[in-house]
Amino acid sequence: MGPALCLLSAACFGAMAIFGKFAYAAGVTPATALLVRFTMAAALLAVLLVLRPALRRTGQALRRRAVLIALGLGAVGYAAQAGFYFAALEVMDAAPLSLILYTYSVLVTVGAVLLGRDRLTSRRTAALVAASGGTLLVLLGAGGGGFRPLGALLGLGSAITYTVYILVADTVVDELPPVLLTTLVMTGAAGTFGVRALLTGDLGLGFRPVGWWWLGCIAVVSTVMAVLAFFAGLRRTGPSTAAILSTFEPVVTAGLAALVLGESLTSVQLAGGGLVLASAVVLQMGRTTRPTPGTVVDPGRTSTTTPVSSSVSRSSSQRSGR
């Protein structure tokens, strides 16, 4: 179940480029998209918690530390990752930037191993190589240039920030129910972008009405569903497996761009997609249940947006990060 939830999360995040492209075509600005996305998501989740009190029950006393970490994941993690990403986009194209961003799967795996949370088994190593190679092929098959050293450094900062985000989130996923955790993260992110909008004054709501539909899709599908599924999957699989399976996102983006936008998939991209799917199969082989604290990790257990063409690269460049 854990790997399936991680793949569902990646699929929902992968739709971000398509929704974003239509939203920006309706006149929505990046700053507006960021604020509306997280505010709408936080509001929807808050209503869900009110209507379904069982979703916020932890079975134990709610620790202030866990709540503060969850809020910080949104207020700091999302904001910093998005800041690095957008700054990098000002000096380099989205295709090579996304290639740098997806190094986070390697960084998370290494970090989890060094922290003693996961073991670098042969199965996980094979899956990581397959997923990384597949992502590389999908992104290179999309083309794109504009590599810049400064942009590369900022992109690496984005990848490192997201790595820390996943590893920190891994410390609270067992303390907070997925819906409550996601609500706190979205609230933190909405607060940061709300303050930013007040300080910069770049919030604009004069876009066409259809823009609200696409913002709703971004908030519901690519935020609420995506983050809920990710935290639920992270809780069951561990950080390295969750990160590796998240590389399914560029495959989804490429496929949706071909279906919805009429863009063609190259043989290189298809091969890359096959490798990413193969990594999921490898991770699914054997035990995938996350061990409880204090137990030995089973050696057989596996623990904004990717461009597919120049047009999708430009639209997905407005992504705020996960």
Protein backbone atom coordinates (compact mmCIF):
# COMPACT_ATOMS: atom_id res chain seq x y z
CA MET A 1 0.00 0.00 0.00
CA GLY A 2 2.85 2.41 0.81
CA PRO A 3 4.48 2.32 -2.65
CA ALA A 4 1.04 2.73 -4.28
CA LEU A 5 0.39 5.86 -2.21
CA CYS A 6 3.79 7.29 -3.18
CA LEU A 7 3.04 6.66 -6.86
CA LEU A 8 -0.40 8.27 -6.47
CA SER A 9 1.27 11.30 -4.91
CA ALA A 10 3.74 11.53 -7.78
CA ALA A 11 0.91 11.28 -10.30
CA CYS A 12 -1.00 14.11 -8.60
CA PHE A 13 2.12 16.28 -8.48
CA GLY A 14 2.83 15.37 -12.10
CA ALA A 15 -0.46 16.96 -13.17
CA MET A 16 0.73 20.31 -11.79
CA ALA A 17 2.36 21.38 -15.06
CA ILE A 18 -0.84 20.83 -17.02
CA PHE A 19 -3.07 22.63 -14.51
CA GLY A 20 -0.51 25.39 -14.20
CA LYS A 21 -0.29 25.90 -17.95
CA PHE A 22 -4.05 26.45 -18.21
CA ALA A 23 -4.12 28.64 -15.09
CA TYR A 24 -1.41 30.95 -16.40
CA ALA A 25 -3.16 31.09 -19.77
CA ALA A 26 -6.18 32.42 -17.86
CA GLY A 27 -4.08 35.25 -16.48
CA VAL A 28 -3.15 33.84 -13.06
CA THR A 29 0.21 35.12 -11.82
CA PRO A 30 2.74 32.89 -10.02
CA ALA A 31 2.41 34.79 -6.73
CA THR A 32 -1.37 34.49 -6.84
CA ALA A 33 -1.19 30.81 -7.69
CA LEU A 34 1.08 30.14 -4.72
CA LEU A 35 -1.09 31.95 -2.19
CA VAL A 36 -4.43 30.66 -3.49
CA ARG A 37 -3.09 27.12 -3.80
CA PHE A 38 -2.01 26.77 -0.19
CA THR A 39 -4.81 28.88 1.30
CA MET A 40 -7.47 26.88 -0.50
CA ALA A 41 -5.81 23.60 0.44
CA ALA A 42 -5.54 24.59 4.11
CA ALA A 43 -9.21 25.67 4.18
CA LEU A 44 -10.44 22.44 2.55
CA LEU A 45 -8.44 20.30 4.95
CA ALA A 46 -9.62 22.31 7.96
CA VAL A 47 -13.25 21.74 6.95
CA LEU A 48 -12.53 18.03 6.52
CA LEU A 49 -11.07 17.86 10.04
CA VAL A 50 -14.15 19.58 11.46
CA LEU A 51 -16.55 17.24 9.65
CA ARG A 52 -14.51 14.12 10.43
CA PRO A 53 -13.04 14.50 13.94
CA ALA A 54 -11.63 10.97 13.79
CA LEU A 55 -9.12 12.14 11.20
CA ARG A 56 -7.40 14.35 13.76
CA ARG A 57 -7.20 11.81 16.57
CA THR A 58 -3.69 10.63 17.29
CA GLY A 59 -4.37 8.06 20.00
CA GLN A 60 -1.91 9.93 22.19
CA ALA A 61 -1.34 13.42 23.52
CA LEU A 62 -0.60 15.89 20.76
CA ARG A 63 2.91 17.19 21.33
CA ARG A 64 3.63 20.86 20.69
CA ARG A 65 6.95 19.93 19.10
CA ALA A 66 5.24 17.86 16.40
CA VAL A 67 2.79 20.68 15.64
CA LEU A 68 5.57 23.27 15.36
CA ILE A 69 7.60 21.00 13.09
CA ALA A 70 4.58 20.48 10.84
CA LEU A 71 3.94 24.23 10.59
CA GLY A 72 7.63 24.80 9.93
CA LEU A 73 7.62 22.26 7.12
CA GLY A 74 5.16 24.48 5.30
CA ALA A 75 6.31 27.92 6.41
CA VAL A 76 10.02 27.21 5.92
CA GLY A 77 10.33 24.06 3.82
CA TYR A 78 7.88 24.97 1.05
CA ALA A 79 8.88 28.61 1.03
CA ALA A 80 12.64 27.98 0.88
CA GLN A 81 12.36 25.27 -1.76
CA ALA A 82 10.15 27.49 -3.91
CA GLY A 83 12.44 30.47 -3.38
CA PHE A 84 15.51 28.60 -4.60
CA TYR A 85 13.57 27.11 -7.50
CA PHE A 86 12.13 30.40 -8.77
CA ALA A 87 15.45 32.21 -8.33
CA ALA A 88 17.15 29.53 -10.41
CA LEU A 89 14.52 29.83 -13.13
CA GLU A 90 15.47 33.47 -13.60
CA VAL A 91 18.92 32.45 -14.82
CA MET A 92 18.43 29.00 -16.40
CA ASP A 93 15.86 26.94 -18.27
CA ALA A 94 13.48 24.62 -16.48
CA ALA A 95 14.64 21.38 -18.13
CA PRO A 96 18.21 21.33 -16.74
CA LEU A 97 16.94 22.81 -13.48
CA SER A 98 14.48 19.99 -13.02
CA LEU A 99 17.25 17.52 -13.73
CA ILE A 100 19.19 19.03 -10.83
CA LEU A 101 16.11 19.10 -8.59
CA TYR A 102 15.51 15.39 -9.02
CA THR A 103 18.85 14.60 -7.45
CA TYR A 104 16.91 14.82 -4.20
CA SER A 105 16.01 11.12 -4.52
CA VAL A 106 19.70 10.26 -4.23
CA LEU A 107 20.24 12.80 -1.44
CA VAL A 108 17.29 11.49 0.58
CA THR A 109 18.46 7.90 0.24
CA VAL A 110 21.99 8.80 1.32
CA GLY A 111 20.69 10.96 4.17
CA ALA A 112 18.33 8.25 5.42
CA VAL A 113 21.16 5.70 5.40
CA LEU A 114 23.55 8.04 7.22
CA LEU A 115 20.88 8.79 9.83
CA GLY A 116 20.29 5.10 10.36
CA ARG A 117 16.68 5.22 9.18
CA ASP A 118 17.19 2.96 6.18
CA ARG A 119 19.66 0.40 4.93
CA LEU A 120 21.23 0.61 1.48
CA THR A 121 20.12 -2.84 0.34
CA SER A 122 20.84 -4.24 -3.10
CA ARG A 123 17.15 -3.90 -4.01
CA ARG A 124 17.00 -0.27 -2.99
CA THR A 125 20.27 0.49 -4.80
CA ALA A 126 18.96 -1.10 -8.00
CA ALA A 127 15.70 0.86 -7.71
CA LEU A 128 17.57 4.12 -7.11
CA VAL A 129 19.78 3.59 -10.16
CA ALA A 130 16.78 2.70 -12.33
CA ALA A 131 14.69 5.64 -11.11
CA SER A 132 17.52 8.15 -11.48
CA GLY A 133 18.45 6.87 -14.92
CA GLY A 134 14.82 6.88 -16.02
CA THR A 135 14.28 10.42 -14.80
CA LEU A 136 17.42 11.50 -16.63
CA LEU A 137 16.16 10.00 -19.89
CA VAL A 138 12.68 11.54 -19.51
CA LEU A 139 14.12 15.00 -18.90
CA LEU A 140 16.85 14.80 -21.53
CA GLY A 141 14.30 13.56 -24.04
CA ALA A 142 12.41 16.81 -23.49
CA GLY A 143 15.39 18.84 -24.64
CA GLY A 144 16.18 22.25 -23.23
CA GLY A 145 19.37 24.11 -22.52
CA GLY A 146 20.34 27.29 -20.81
CA PHE A 147 22.59 25.75 -18.17
CA ARG A 148 24.07 28.39 -15.87
CA PRO A 149 26.42 27.84 -12.89
CA LEU A 150 24.47 30.21 -10.64
CA GLY A 151 21.22 28.53 -11.60
CA ALA A 152 22.77 25.14 -10.94
CA LEU A 153 23.77 26.22 -7.43
CA LEU A 154 20.29 27.56 -6.72
CA GLY A 155 18.77 24.38 -8.14
CA LEU A 156 20.98 22.30 -5.89
CA GLY A 157 19.78 24.45 -2.98
CA SER A 158 16.20 23.56 -3.96
CA ALA A 159 17.05 19.84 -4.03
CA ILE A 160 18.82 20.01 -0.67
CA THR A 161 15.89 21.91 0.87
CA TYR A 162 13.44 19.28 -0.35
CA THR A 163 15.73 16.55 0.96
CA VAL A 164 15.70 18.13 4.42
CA TYR A 165 11.92 18.57 4.11
CA ILE A 166 11.40 14.84 3.55
CA LEU A 167 13.81 13.77 6.27
CA VAL A 168 12.26 16.16 8.80
CA ALA A 169 8.73 15.13 7.81
CA ASP A 170 9.76 11.54 8.44
CA THR A 171 10.23 12.40 12.13
CA VAL A 172 6.58 13.40 12.64
CA VAL A 173 4.60 11.18 10.26
CA ASP A 174 4.17 8.62 13.04
CA GLU A 175 2.98 11.23 15.55
CA LEU A 176 0.39 13.06 13.48
CA PRO A 177 -2.39 11.60 11.31
CA PRO A 178 -1.83 12.35 7.58
CA VAL A 179 -4.79 14.76 7.31
CA LEU A 180 -3.80 16.74 10.40
CA LEU A 181 -0.15 16.84 9.34
CA THR A 182 -1.04 18.00 5.84
CA THR A 183 -3.37 20.68 7.23
CA LEU A 184 -0.62 22.10 9.41
CA VAL A 185 1.90 22.07 6.55
CA MET A 186 -0.54 23.82 4.20
CA THR A 187 -1.37 26.38 6.88
CA GLY A 188 2.30 27.16 7.40
CA ALA A 189 2.88 27.56 3.67
CA ALA A 190 -0.21 29.75 3.24
CA GLY A 191 0.99 31.97 6.08
CA THR A 192 4.41 32.48 4.50
CA PHE A 193 3.05 33.29 1.06
CA GLY A 194 0.36 35.50 2.59
CA VAL A 195 2.99 37.60 4.34
CA ARG A 196 5.00 37.71 1.14
CA ALA A 197 1.98 38.96 -0.81
CA LEU A 198 1.36 41.70 1.75
CA LEU A 199 4.99 42.83 1.64
CA THR A 200 5.37 42.76 -2.14
CA GLY A 201 1.84 43.71 -3.14
CA ASP A 202 2.01 41.38 -6.15
CA LEU A 203 -1.28 39.57 -5.50
CA GLY A 204 -3.66 39.92 -8.44
CA LEU A 205 -7.17 38.48 -8.74
CA GLY A 206 -8.09 40.06 -12.07
CA PHE A 207 -7.70 36.84 -14.05
CA ARG A 208 -10.50 35.17 -16.03
CA PRO A 209 -13.08 33.13 -14.04
CA VAL A 210 -11.85 29.86 -15.54
CA GLY A 211 -8.60 30.47 -13.71
CA TRP A 212 -10.37 29.60 -10.46
CA TRP A 213 -11.19 26.15 -11.84
CA TRP A 214 -7.55 25.43 -12.60
CA LEU A 215 -6.46 26.83 -9.24
CA GLY A 216 -8.98 24.50 -7.65
CA CYS A 217 -7.48 21.57 -9.53
CA ILE A 218 -4.03 22.58 -8.33
CA ALA A 219 -5.24 22.90 -4.74
CA VAL A 220 -7.30 19.71 -4.61
CA VAL A 221 -5.40 17.30 -6.87
CA SER A 222 -1.81 18.57 -6.89
CA THR A 223 -1.75 19.75 -3.29
CA VAL A 224 -4.29 18.13 -0.95
CA MET A 225 -4.39 14.69 -2.59
CA ALA A 226 -0.70 14.78 -3.50
CA VAL A 227 0.60 15.71 -0.06
CA LEU A 228 -1.85 13.45 1.79
CA ALA A 229 -0.81 10.48 -0.32
CA PHE A 230 2.87 11.36 0.09
CA PHE A 231 2.74 11.57 3.89
CA ALA A 232 0.67 8.38 4.09
CA GLY A 233 3.15 6.63 1.81
CA LEU A 234 6.14 8.04 3.68
CA ARG A 235 4.69 6.72 6.92
CA ARG A 236 4.50 3.19 5.47
CA THR A 237 7.69 2.99 3.41
CA GLY A 238 10.31 5.35 4.84
CA PRO A 239 12.08 8.34 3.28
CA SER A 240 14.31 6.68 0.68
CA THR A 241 11.58 4.59 -0.94
CA ALA A 242 9.19 7.57 -0.93
CA ALA A 243 11.82 9.71 -2.65
CA ILE A 244 12.68 7.07 -5.24
CA LEU A 245 9.03 6.45 -6.13
CA SER A 246 8.44 10.20 -6.42
CA THR A 247 10.58 10.14 -9.57
CA PHE A 248 7.44 8.78 -11.25
CA GLU A 249 6.28 12.39 -11.43
CA PRO A 250 8.14 13.39 -14.63
CA VAL A 251 6.77 10.28 -16.35
CA VAL A 252 3.22 11.37 -15.50
CA THR A 253 3.90 14.92 -16.66
CA ALA A 254 5.30 13.66 -19.95
CA GLY A 255 2.34 11.36 -20.52
CA LEU A 256 -0.25 14.02 -19.68
CA ALA A 257 1.48 16.54 -21.93
CA ALA A 258 1.23 14.05 -24.79
CA LEU A 259 -2.44 13.27 -24.11
CA VAL A 260 -3.74 16.74 -23.22
CA LEU A 261 -1.38 19.10 -25.03
CA GLY A 262 -0.73 16.91 -28.04
CA GLU A 263 3.00 16.79 -27.45
CA SER A 264 4.84 13.72 -28.66
CA LEU A 265 6.79 11.34 -26.46
CA THR A 266 10.22 10.40 -27.79
CA SER A 267 11.60 6.89 -27.63
CA VAL A 268 14.13 8.16 -25.07
CA GLN A 269 11.33 9.39 -22.82
CA LEU A 270 9.42 6.12 -23.16
CA ALA A 271 12.54 4.21 -22.21
CA GLY A 272 13.03 6.49 -19.21
CA GLY A 273 9.44 5.98 -18.14
CA GLY A 274 9.95 2.24 -18.34
CA LEU A 275 12.97 2.47 -16.05
CA VAL A 276 11.08 4.50 -13.46
CA LEU A 277 8.23 1.99 -13.51
CA ALA A 278 10.77 -0.80 -13.20
CA SER A 279 12.13 0.83 -10.05
CA ALA A 280 8.64 0.73 -8.56
CA VAL A 281 8.39 -2.98 -9.37
CA VAL A 282 11.78 -3.63 -7.77
CA LEU A 283 10.75 -1.79 -4.61
CA GLN A 284 7.48 -3.70 -4.47
CA MET A 285 9.27 -7.04 -4.54
CA GLY A 286 9.66 -8.26 -1.00
CA ARG A 287 8.47 -6.66 2.20
CA THR A 288 7.42 -2.99 2.00
CA THR A 289 6.03 -2.42 5.49
CA ARG A 290 7.87 0.13 7.52
CA PRO A 291 9.36 -1.27 10.74
CA THR A 292 8.40 0.18 14.09
CA PRO A 293 10.99 2.20 16.02
CA GLY A 294 13.59 0.03 17.66
CA THR A 295 13.30 -2.88 15.24
CA VAL A 296 15.90 -3.94 12.72
CA VAL A 297 15.16 -2.91 9.17
CA ASP A 298 14.41 -5.93 7.01
CA PRO A 299 17.13 -6.10 4.32
CA GLY A 300 14.42 -6.99 1.83
CA ARG A 301 12.29 -3.94 2.65
CA THR A 302 12.39 -1.00 0.45
CA SER A 303 12.17 1.83 2.43
CA THR A 304 7.48 23.97 -9.66
CA THR A 305 7.19 20.53 -11.99
CA THR A 306 9.08 18.43 -14.45
CA PRO A 307 9.19 19.68 -18.02
CA VAL A 308 8.70 17.45 -21.03
CA SER A 309 9.13 20.04 -23.74
CA SER A 310 9.98 23.70 -23.95
CA SER A 311 6.33 24.71 -23.59
CA VAL A 312 5.67 22.49 -20.60
CA SER A 313 9.02 23.49 -19.16
CA ARG A 314 7.95 27.10 -19.16
CA SER A 315 4.54 26.34 -17.63
CA SER A 316 5.91 23.99 -15.02
CA SER A 317 8.51 26.53 -14.05
CA GLN A 318 5.87 28.26 -12.00
CA ARG A 319 5.55 25.30 -9.66
CA SER A 320 5.98 26.15 -6.00
CA GLY A 321 7.52 22.87 -4.97
CA ARG A 322 5.86 20.04 -3.10
